[in-house]
Amino acid sequence: MSRLVRTALAAAVALVLALGATAWALAPAPHLLAAGPVSVEGTEASGSFTMGSTTVRQVRYADRGTLRYGFRLTNEGPGTATVVGVRAVGPEATLLRVRTLHAPDGGEVELSPGSTEDVVLDVLMTDCERLSARAASQVAAVDVELTRWGRSHVVRVELPEQLRTGSAREMFCPRATADSRPPG
């Protein structure tokens, strides 16, 4: 192979790599959309109601129990997105601690472009002894950590319903003492 052909081939490869890296860097951020139907496990009772344009899912608090909130998640962006973590948006709610987002069988969530998968959000119900009875906590959205095309992203996902629980009265909050709860 002549030197001129090798030089032209090397320039072509460099151009393809540069264009690929540019497309990779400029690719739109992933976009995930959550929707129903929903399922709720890990509580004795739950119900939903609408306030304006917001649907609220009220759940009965179960001290140190895990609320399993199921819904559908759609990848509306390009490229396959793999969920690697989840966290609360802003300060974590006192009674509802976001823990994991996974497939219903406990496995990894991988969403190809345009696909919809059932997922489960695990939320620990805890710390009722720190709040007065009738105080409440809510979670309306989560930040989903994912990888796509070898890059890490954090995508805010609005839940299909705002999760809400109230602090239990004393008999259902076993760690509560006269000194642990504020009056109210």
Protein backbone atom coordinates (compact mmCIF):
# COMPACT_ATOMS: atom_id res chain seq x y z
CA MET A 1 0.00 0.00 0.00
CA SER A 2 1.41 3.33 -0.99
CA ARG A 3 2.12 6.05 1.48
CA LEU A 4 -0.55 8.28 -0.09
CA VAL A 5 -3.25 5.57 0.33
CA ARG A 6 -2.21 4.96 3.96
CA THR A 7 -2.35 8.70 4.68
CA ALA A 8 -5.78 9.01 3.06
CA LEU A 9 -7.06 5.96 4.95
CA ALA A 10 -5.75 7.32 8.27
CA ALA A 11 -7.40 10.71 7.57
CA ALA A 12 -10.71 9.00 6.74
CA VAL A 13 -10.60 6.95 9.95
CA ALA A 14 -9.78 10.07 11.99
CA LEU A 15 -12.69 11.94 10.37
CA VAL A 16 -15.14 9.10 11.09
CA LEU A 17 -13.95 8.94 14.72
CA ALA A 18 -14.25 12.72 15.11
CA LEU A 19 -17.76 12.76 13.63
CA GLY A 20 -18.80 9.82 15.82
CA ALA A 21 -17.40 11.51 18.95
CA THR A 22 -19.20 14.74 18.04
CA ALA A 23 -22.51 12.91 17.50
CA TRP A 24 -22.00 11.05 20.79
CA ALA A 25 -21.28 14.29 22.68
CA LEU A 26 -24.19 16.19 21.11
CA ALA A 27 -26.78 13.42 21.43
CA PRO A 28 -29.93 14.55 23.23
CA ALA A 29 -30.26 13.64 26.88
CA PRO A 30 -32.23 10.50 27.65
CA HIS A 31 -35.93 11.02 28.37
CA LEU A 32 -37.94 8.61 30.51
CA LEU A 33 -41.70 8.80 31.05
CA ALA A 34 -43.57 7.10 33.91
CA ALA A 35 -47.22 6.05 33.56
CA GLY A 36 -49.83 3.69 34.99
CA PRO A 37 -51.27 1.31 35.60
CA VAL A 38 -49.77 1.28 39.07
CA SER A 39 -49.53 -1.34 41.80
CA VAL A 40 -48.89 -0.95 45.52
CA GLU A 41 -47.54 -3.55 47.96
CA GLY A 42 -46.14 -3.33 51.48
CA THR A 43 -48.96 -1.38 53.12
CA GLU A 44 -52.26 -2.42 54.68
CA ALA A 45 -54.20 0.20 52.75
CA SER A 46 -53.84 2.71 49.96
CA GLY A 47 -56.09 4.87 47.88
CA SER A 48 -55.79 7.56 45.26
CA PHE A 49 -57.49 10.89 44.82
CA THR A 50 -57.08 13.89 42.55
CA MET A 51 -56.25 17.43 43.64
CA GLY A 52 -56.33 19.73 40.63
CA SER A 53 -54.05 18.10 38.05
CA THR A 54 -52.21 15.94 40.62
CA THR A 55 -53.13 12.38 41.49
CA VAL A 56 -52.10 11.49 45.03
CA ARG A 57 -51.54 7.90 46.22
CA GLN A 58 -52.11 7.90 49.99
CA VAL A 59 -50.57 4.85 51.70
CA ARG A 60 -50.87 3.69 55.28
CA TYR A 61 -47.53 3.99 57.06
CA ALA A 62 -45.91 0.67 58.11
CA ASP A 63 -42.94 1.36 60.36
CA ARG A 64 -39.67 0.07 58.83
CA GLY A 65 -41.65 -1.57 56.01
CA THR A 66 -40.85 -1.36 52.30
CA LEU A 67 -43.45 0.14 50.03
CA ARG A 68 -43.25 -1.39 46.55
CA TYR A 69 -44.74 1.00 43.99
CA GLY A 70 -45.05 -0.47 40.50
CA PHE A 71 -45.55 1.50 37.28
CA ARG A 72 -44.48 1.54 33.63
CA LEU A 73 -41.38 3.33 32.41
CA THR A 74 -40.87 4.31 28.76
CA ASN A 75 -37.60 5.31 27.09
CA GLU A 76 -38.58 8.18 24.79
CA GLY A 77 -35.00 8.99 23.84
CA PRO A 78 -32.45 7.46 21.46
CA GLY A 79 -30.22 4.62 22.55
CA THR A 80 -30.69 1.86 25.10
CA ALA A 81 -30.83 3.15 28.68
CA THR A 82 -29.85 0.94 31.62
CA VAL A 83 -31.01 1.96 35.10
CA VAL A 84 -28.13 1.85 37.60
CA GLY A 85 -29.67 3.73 40.53
CA VAL A 86 -32.35 6.03 41.87
CA ARG A 87 -32.42 8.78 44.44
CA ALA A 88 -34.79 11.28 45.98
CA VAL A 89 -35.22 14.68 44.37
CA GLY A 90 -33.92 17.31 46.77
CA PRO A 91 -34.01 16.62 50.51
CA GLU A 92 -35.26 13.12 51.22
CA ALA A 93 -38.76 12.90 52.72
CA THR A 94 -38.61 11.96 56.41
CA LEU A 95 -41.16 9.13 56.26
CA LEU A 96 -40.46 7.91 52.70
CA ARG A 97 -36.87 6.98 51.81
CA VAL A 98 -36.30 6.15 48.13
CA ARG A 99 -34.18 2.99 47.88
CA THR A 100 -34.14 1.13 44.53
CA LEU A 101 -35.74 0.99 41.09
CA HIS A 102 -35.78 -2.46 39.52
CA ALA A 103 -37.68 -4.92 37.34
CA PRO A 104 -40.57 -6.76 39.04
CA ASP A 105 -38.37 -9.86 39.38
CA GLY A 106 -35.69 -7.77 41.14
CA GLY A 107 -33.43 -7.63 38.09
CA GLU A 108 -31.90 -4.83 36.07
CA VAL A 109 -34.03 -2.44 34.02
CA GLU A 110 -32.86 -2.00 30.42
CA LEU A 111 -34.96 0.11 28.07
CA SER A 112 -34.33 0.10 24.34
CA PRO A 113 -35.50 3.19 22.40
CA GLY A 114 -39.31 3.45 22.42
CA SER A 115 -39.75 0.47 24.74
CA THR A 116 -41.88 0.33 27.88
CA GLU A 117 -41.06 -1.87 30.87
CA ASP A 118 -42.78 -2.54 34.18
CA VAL A 119 -40.64 -1.31 37.09
CA VAL A 120 -40.87 -1.27 40.89
CA LEU A 121 -39.76 1.60 43.11
CA ASP A 122 -38.85 0.44 46.63
CA VAL A 123 -39.42 3.07 49.33
CA LEU A 124 -38.56 2.51 53.00
CA MET A 125 -41.18 3.85 55.42
CA THR A 126 -39.23 5.03 58.47
CA ASP A 127 -38.65 7.61 61.20
CA CYS A 128 -42.22 8.24 62.37
CA GLU A 129 -40.76 8.80 65.84
CA ARG A 130 -39.19 12.04 64.57
CA LEU A 131 -42.48 13.65 63.47
CA SER A 132 -45.68 14.45 65.30
CA ALA A 133 -48.70 12.30 64.60
CA ARG A 134 -50.58 13.47 61.48
CA ALA A 135 -47.46 15.00 59.88
CA ALA A 136 -46.91 13.78 56.32
CA SER A 137 -44.24 13.14 53.71
CA GLN A 138 -44.56 12.86 49.95
CA VAL A 139 -42.54 11.85 46.90
CA ALA A 140 -43.64 13.16 43.49
CA ALA A 141 -40.52 12.47 41.39
CA VAL A 142 -37.23 10.60 41.51
CA ASP A 143 -33.86 11.12 39.87
CA VAL A 144 -33.02 7.99 37.88
CA GLU A 145 -29.33 7.27 37.32
CA LEU A 146 -28.67 5.44 34.06
CA THR A 147 -26.06 4.64 31.47
CA ARG A 148 -26.48 5.08 27.74
CA TRP A 149 -23.77 4.71 25.11
CA GLY A 150 -21.16 4.35 27.85
CA ARG A 151 -22.08 7.65 29.53
CA SER A 152 -23.77 8.25 32.90
CA HIS A 153 -26.91 10.39 33.06
CA VAL A 154 -29.38 11.48 35.72
CA VAL A 155 -32.95 11.88 34.49
CA ARG A 156 -35.79 13.30 36.57
CA VAL A 157 -38.91 11.13 36.35
CA GLU A 158 -42.29 12.40 37.54
CA LEU A 159 -44.15 9.49 39.14
CA PRO A 160 -47.65 8.65 37.83
CA GLU A 161 -48.98 9.55 41.28
CA GLN A 162 -47.56 11.57 44.13
CA LEU A 163 -46.80 9.09 46.94
CA ARG A 164 -47.93 10.33 50.35
CA THR A 165 -48.01 8.88 53.85
CA GLY A 166 -48.84 10.30 57.23
CA SER A 167 -46.94 9.82 60.45
CA ALA A 168 -48.59 7.10 62.50
CA ARG A 169 -50.18 7.66 65.88
CA GLU A 170 -48.20 6.44 68.86
CA MET A 171 -49.50 2.87 68.95
CA PHE A 172 -48.36 2.31 65.31
CA CYS A 173 -45.01 4.04 65.78
CA PRO A 174 -43.23 1.63 68.16
CA ARG A 175 -40.01 3.64 68.59
CA ALA A 176 -41.83 6.85 69.56
CA THR A 177 -41.28 8.20 73.05
CA ALA A 178 -42.51 11.27 74.90
CA ASP A 179 -39.19 12.97 74.03
CA SER A 180 -38.75 11.77 70.42
CA ARG A 181 -41.82 13.42 68.88
CA PRO A 182 -42.60 17.11 68.73
CA PRO A 183 -46.01 18.06 70.10
CA GLY A 184 -48.80 18.35 67.62
